[in-house]
């Protein structure tokens, strides 16, 4: 079964579908290693981050097993339809509209949360700054391995949105965080998240908070962009492959 060049949008899902069809057709057998990410990217004529998203989607769905530093291997499957195991949280709400990929979510967050941080710097009250500071303090006391770290991160961004005084933005940030909790996004994070990354993220959150406390909208916007851009870079670069 030949690999088809990908031409339209939502690349990661199309790539994942092609690879799963190749597995079903016996092109790649259980226990067999898939070609390296760079080779798959060349074969599909897409970027390596798109291939990475596709491989993570396949891992969530039970098609492959990603072994850091070793490669991606076809999984042994007892369920002929593993994609039914981990439905997106949006699948029952938006009909057939495919869920966004992690990099799409990060892009949307960068567009919106920069302005959230800027508005928070202009409108934050002492009380709202205190709420953000408590959220950051809880993050500092939490380790990367503690499952609570994601909810504490969520609380900081939610309290930042509340500080804008704009309820529509609060709801928008919350929707983005529902997307952030999608199994595909979480699994991708699992491949790079560690204590060093968590501590760096805490520093980035502190920079956002300090800019808000100073009422410096420009610095708050820049700090949020830096934080989310760093997250994106971690997602596309911390991929160990032999």
Protein backbone atom coordinates (compact mmCIF):
# COMPACT_ATOMS: atom_id res chain seq x y z
CA UNK A 1 0.00 0.00 0.00
CA UNK A 2 1.76 3.20 -1.14
CA UNK A 3 1.99 6.23 1.12
CA UNK A 4 -0.02 9.15 -0.22
CA UNK A 5 1.27 12.71 -0.06
CA UNK A 6 -0.78 14.82 2.33
CA UNK A 7 -2.32 17.86 0.64
CA UNK A 8 -5.02 19.45 2.81
CA UNK A 9 -5.38 20.73 6.35
CA UNK A 10 -5.57 18.94 9.73
CA UNK A 11 -2.46 17.05 8.78
CA UNK A 12 -1.88 15.06 11.94
CA UNK A 13 -5.22 13.25 11.66
CA UNK A 14 -4.72 12.41 8.00
CA UNK A 15 -1.22 11.10 8.68
CA UNK A 16 -2.48 9.02 11.61
CA UNK A 17 -5.26 7.56 9.46
CA UNK A 18 -2.82 6.59 6.73
CA UNK A 19 -0.42 4.94 9.16
CA UNK A 20 -3.25 3.03 10.87
CA UNK A 21 -4.41 1.78 7.47
CA UNK A 22 -0.87 0.63 6.69
CA UNK A 23 -0.81 -1.26 9.99
CA UNK A 24 -4.19 -2.86 9.31
CA UNK A 25 -3.00 -3.89 5.85
CA UNK A 26 0.01 -5.65 7.38
CA UNK A 27 2.62 -3.21 6.05
CA UNK A 28 3.82 -2.85 9.64
CA UNK A 29 3.32 -5.79 11.99
CA UNK A 30 2.97 -5.90 15.80
CA UNK A 31 6.35 -5.37 17.43
CA UNK A 32 7.84 -3.87 14.28
CA UNK A 33 9.43 -0.46 14.45
CA UNK A 34 7.99 2.29 12.27
CA UNK A 35 10.35 4.36 10.11
CA UNK A 36 12.02 7.27 11.95
CA UNK A 37 10.03 10.46 12.29
CA UNK A 38 12.27 12.34 9.85
CA UNK A 39 11.73 9.67 7.18
CA UNK A 40 7.96 9.65 7.69
CA UNK A 41 7.94 13.44 7.36
CA UNK A 42 9.80 13.18 4.05
CA UNK A 43 7.49 10.43 2.76
CA UNK A 44 4.35 12.37 3.63
CA UNK A 45 5.87 15.72 2.58
CA UNK A 46 4.93 17.30 5.90
CA UNK A 47 6.74 18.74 8.91
CA UNK A 48 8.12 16.59 11.70
CA UNK A 49 5.81 18.22 14.30
CA UNK A 50 2.81 17.09 12.22
CA UNK A 51 4.17 13.54 12.17
CA UNK A 52 4.77 13.75 15.91
CA UNK A 53 1.16 14.75 16.57
CA UNK A 54 0.01 11.86 14.39
CA UNK A 55 2.18 9.36 16.25
CA UNK A 56 0.92 10.62 19.61
CA UNK A 57 -2.67 10.26 18.35
CA UNK A 58 -1.91 6.68 17.32
CA UNK A 59 -0.39 5.99 20.74
CA UNK A 60 -3.49 7.35 22.50
CA UNK A 61 -5.64 5.14 20.27
CA UNK A 62 -3.55 2.03 20.97
CA UNK A 63 -1.99 1.55 17.55
CA UNK A 64 1.65 2.17 18.53
CA UNK A 65 3.98 2.21 21.50
CA UNK A 66 6.39 5.16 21.67
CA UNK A 67 9.63 4.29 23.45
CA UNK A 68 11.77 7.35 24.12
CA UNK A 69 15.22 7.08 22.61
CA UNK A 70 14.33 3.80 20.87
CA UNK A 71 11.57 4.49 18.40
CA UNK A 72 7.90 3.91 17.67
CA UNK A 73 6.68 0.31 17.55
CA UNK A 74 3.42 -1.21 16.36
CA UNK A 75 1.41 -2.30 19.39
CA UNK A 76 -0.17 -5.69 19.99
CA UNK A 77 -3.92 -5.08 19.80
CA UNK A 78 -6.78 -7.19 21.03
CA UNK A 79 -9.37 -4.51 20.22
CA UNK A 80 -9.88 -4.09 16.46
CA UNK A 81 -11.09 -0.52 16.99
CA UNK A 82 -8.66 1.09 19.46
CA UNK A 83 -9.66 4.57 18.38
CA UNK A 84 -12.89 4.12 20.35
CA UNK A 85 -10.99 3.95 23.63
CA UNK A 86 -10.05 7.60 23.96
CA UNK A 87 -12.66 9.88 22.40
CA UNK A 88 -12.00 13.58 22.41
CA UNK A 89 -13.94 15.60 24.95
CA UNK A 90 -15.35 17.51 21.98
CA UNK A 91 -16.49 14.52 19.93
CA UNK A 92 -20.03 14.45 21.32
CA UNK A 93 -20.53 18.22 21.18
CA UNK A 94 -19.45 19.27 17.72
CA UNK A 95 -20.65 16.39 15.60
CA UNK A 96 -18.11 15.30 13.01
CA UNK A 97 -15.81 18.29 13.45
CA UNK A 98 -12.37 16.84 14.24
CA UNK A 99 -10.85 17.90 17.56
CA UNK A 100 -7.98 20.40 17.37
CA UNK A 101 -4.44 19.12 17.59
CA UNK A 102 -2.15 20.21 20.45
CA UNK A 103 -0.23 22.66 18.26
CA UNK A 104 -3.51 24.21 17.08
CA UNK A 105 -4.54 24.69 20.70
CA UNK A 106 -1.19 26.29 21.54
CA UNK A 107 -1.51 28.63 18.58
CA UNK A 108 -5.01 29.68 19.67
CA UNK A 109 -3.88 30.13 23.25
CA UNK A 110 -0.99 32.32 22.13
CA UNK A 111 -3.33 34.57 20.16
CA UNK A 112 -5.85 34.94 22.99
CA UNK A 113 -3.88 34.69 26.20
CA UNK A 114 -1.40 37.38 25.20
CA UNK A 115 -4.29 39.84 25.21
CA UNK A 116 -5.68 38.31 28.39
CA UNK A 117 -2.36 39.02 30.13
CA UNK A 118 -2.28 42.55 28.74
CA UNK A 119 -5.82 43.32 29.93
CA UNK A 120 -5.11 41.77 33.31
CA UNK A 121 -2.17 44.14 33.73
CA UNK A 122 -4.52 47.07 33.08
CA UNK A 123 -7.47 45.94 35.21
CA UNK A 124 -6.20 43.61 37.95
CA UNK A 125 -7.25 44.53 41.48
CA UNK A 126 -5.21 43.78 44.60
CA UNK A 127 -7.63 40.93 45.29
CA UNK A 128 -7.21 39.36 41.86
CA UNK A 129 -3.43 39.70 42.07
CA UNK A 130 -3.58 37.94 45.42
CA UNK A 131 -5.52 35.04 43.83
CA UNK A 132 -2.90 34.74 41.07
CA UNK A 133 -0.09 34.85 43.61
CA UNK A 134 -1.68 32.03 45.61
CA UNK A 135 -2.04 29.97 42.45
CA UNK A 136 1.63 30.53 41.65
CA UNK A 137 2.61 29.67 45.23
CA UNK A 138 0.75 26.37 44.93
CA UNK A 139 2.63 25.65 41.70
CA UNK A 140 5.94 26.31 43.44
CA UNK A 141 5.05 23.81 46.17
CA UNK A 142 4.05 21.15 43.65
CA UNK A 143 6.45 18.78 41.90
CA UNK A 144 6.34 17.85 38.22
CA UNK A 145 5.34 14.31 39.13
CA UNK A 146 2.32 15.37 41.17
CA UNK A 147 -0.89 14.92 39.12
CA UNK A 148 -2.15 18.19 40.63
CA UNK A 149 0.38 20.23 38.65
CA UNK A 150 -1.92 20.54 35.64
CA UNK A 151 -4.87 21.81 37.68
CA UNK A 152 -2.63 24.33 39.45
CA UNK A 153 -1.38 25.57 36.07
CA UNK A 154 -5.02 25.81 34.99
CA UNK A 155 -5.90 27.81 38.11
CA UNK A 156 -3.21 30.40 37.38
CA UNK A 157 -4.40 30.99 33.82
CA UNK A 158 -8.05 31.04 34.91
CA UNK A 159 -7.36 33.60 37.65
CA UNK A 160 -5.42 35.70 35.13
CA UNK A 161 -8.46 35.70 32.84
CA UNK A 162 -10.72 36.64 35.77
CA UNK A 163 -8.44 39.61 36.47
CA UNK A 164 -9.39 41.11 33.09
CA UNK A 165 -12.94 41.68 34.31
CA UNK A 166 -14.19 40.32 30.96
CA UNK A 167 -16.46 37.31 31.44
CA UNK A 168 -16.31 36.36 27.75
CA UNK A 169 -12.53 36.02 28.00
CA UNK A 170 -12.87 33.94 31.16
CA UNK A 171 -15.16 31.53 29.30
CA UNK A 172 -12.83 31.48 26.28
CA UNK A 173 -9.79 30.61 28.37
CA UNK A 174 -11.78 27.88 30.11
CA UNK A 175 -12.78 26.37 26.75
CA UNK A 176 -9.13 26.40 25.66
CA UNK A 177 -8.26 24.55 28.85
CA UNK A 178 -10.88 21.90 28.12
CA UNK A 179 -9.00 21.38 24.86
CA UNK A 180 -5.76 21.41 26.85
CA UNK A 181 -7.05 18.43 28.85
CA UNK A 182 -7.68 16.31 25.73
CA UNK A 183 -5.93 12.89 25.92
CA UNK A 184 -3.84 13.68 22.83
CA UNK A 185 -2.50 16.90 24.37
CA UNK A 186 -1.82 15.21 27.72
CA UNK A 187 0.01 12.30 26.11
CA UNK A 188 2.20 14.63 24.08
CA UNK A 189 3.09 16.51 27.25
CA UNK A 190 3.98 13.25 28.99
CA UNK A 191 6.81 12.74 26.51
CA UNK A 192 8.68 15.89 27.51
CA UNK A 193 7.39 16.92 30.94
CA UNK A 194 9.92 16.66 33.77
CA UNK A 195 11.03 18.62 36.81
CA UNK A 196 13.31 20.94 34.86
CA UNK A 197 10.51 21.81 32.43
CA UNK A 198 8.08 22.39 35.32
CA UNK A 199 10.51 24.70 37.12
CA UNK A 200 11.07 26.67 33.92
CA UNK A 201 7.30 27.00 33.50
CA UNK A 202 7.01 28.31 37.06
CA UNK A 203 9.60 31.00 36.27
CA UNK A 204 7.63 31.96 33.16
CA UNK A 205 4.41 32.24 35.19
CA UNK A 206 6.20 34.40 37.74
CA UNK A 207 7.33 36.74 34.96
CA UNK A 208 3.72 37.09 33.82
CA UNK A 209 2.54 37.81 37.36
CA UNK A 210 5.27 40.39 38.02
CA UNK A 211 4.33 42.27 34.84
CA UNK A 212 0.66 42.26 35.87
CA UNK A 213 1.55 43.52 39.35
CA UNK A 214 3.49 46.42 37.78
CA UNK A 215 0.55 47.22 35.53
CA UNK A 216 2.85 46.77 32.52
CA UNK A 217 0.55 45.54 29.77
CA UNK A 218 3.29 45.31 27.14
CA UNK A 219 5.55 43.24 29.39
CA UNK A 220 2.65 40.98 30.43
CA UNK A 221 1.76 40.32 26.80
CA UNK A 222 5.41 39.56 25.96
CA UNK A 223 5.82 37.26 28.97
CA UNK A 224 2.73 35.25 28.02
CA UNK A 225 3.89 34.95 24.41
CA UNK A 226 7.31 33.81 25.61
CA UNK A 227 5.71 31.21 27.90
CA UNK A 228 3.46 29.72 25.22
CA UNK A 229 6.15 29.89 22.53
CA UNK A 230 8.51 28.03 24.86
CA UNK A 231 5.81 25.40 25.43
CA UNK A 232 5.42 24.98 21.68
CA UNK A 233 9.19 24.66 21.21
CA UNK A 234 9.32 22.00 23.92
CA UNK A 235 6.57 20.07 22.18
CA UNK A 236 8.31 20.05 18.82
CA UNK A 237 11.92 19.62 19.93
CA UNK A 238 12.01 17.30 22.96
CA UNK A 239 11.53 14.13 21.01
CA UNK A 240 14.16 11.49 21.59
CA UNK A 241 14.74 9.37 18.54
CA UNK A 242 17.64 7.15 17.72
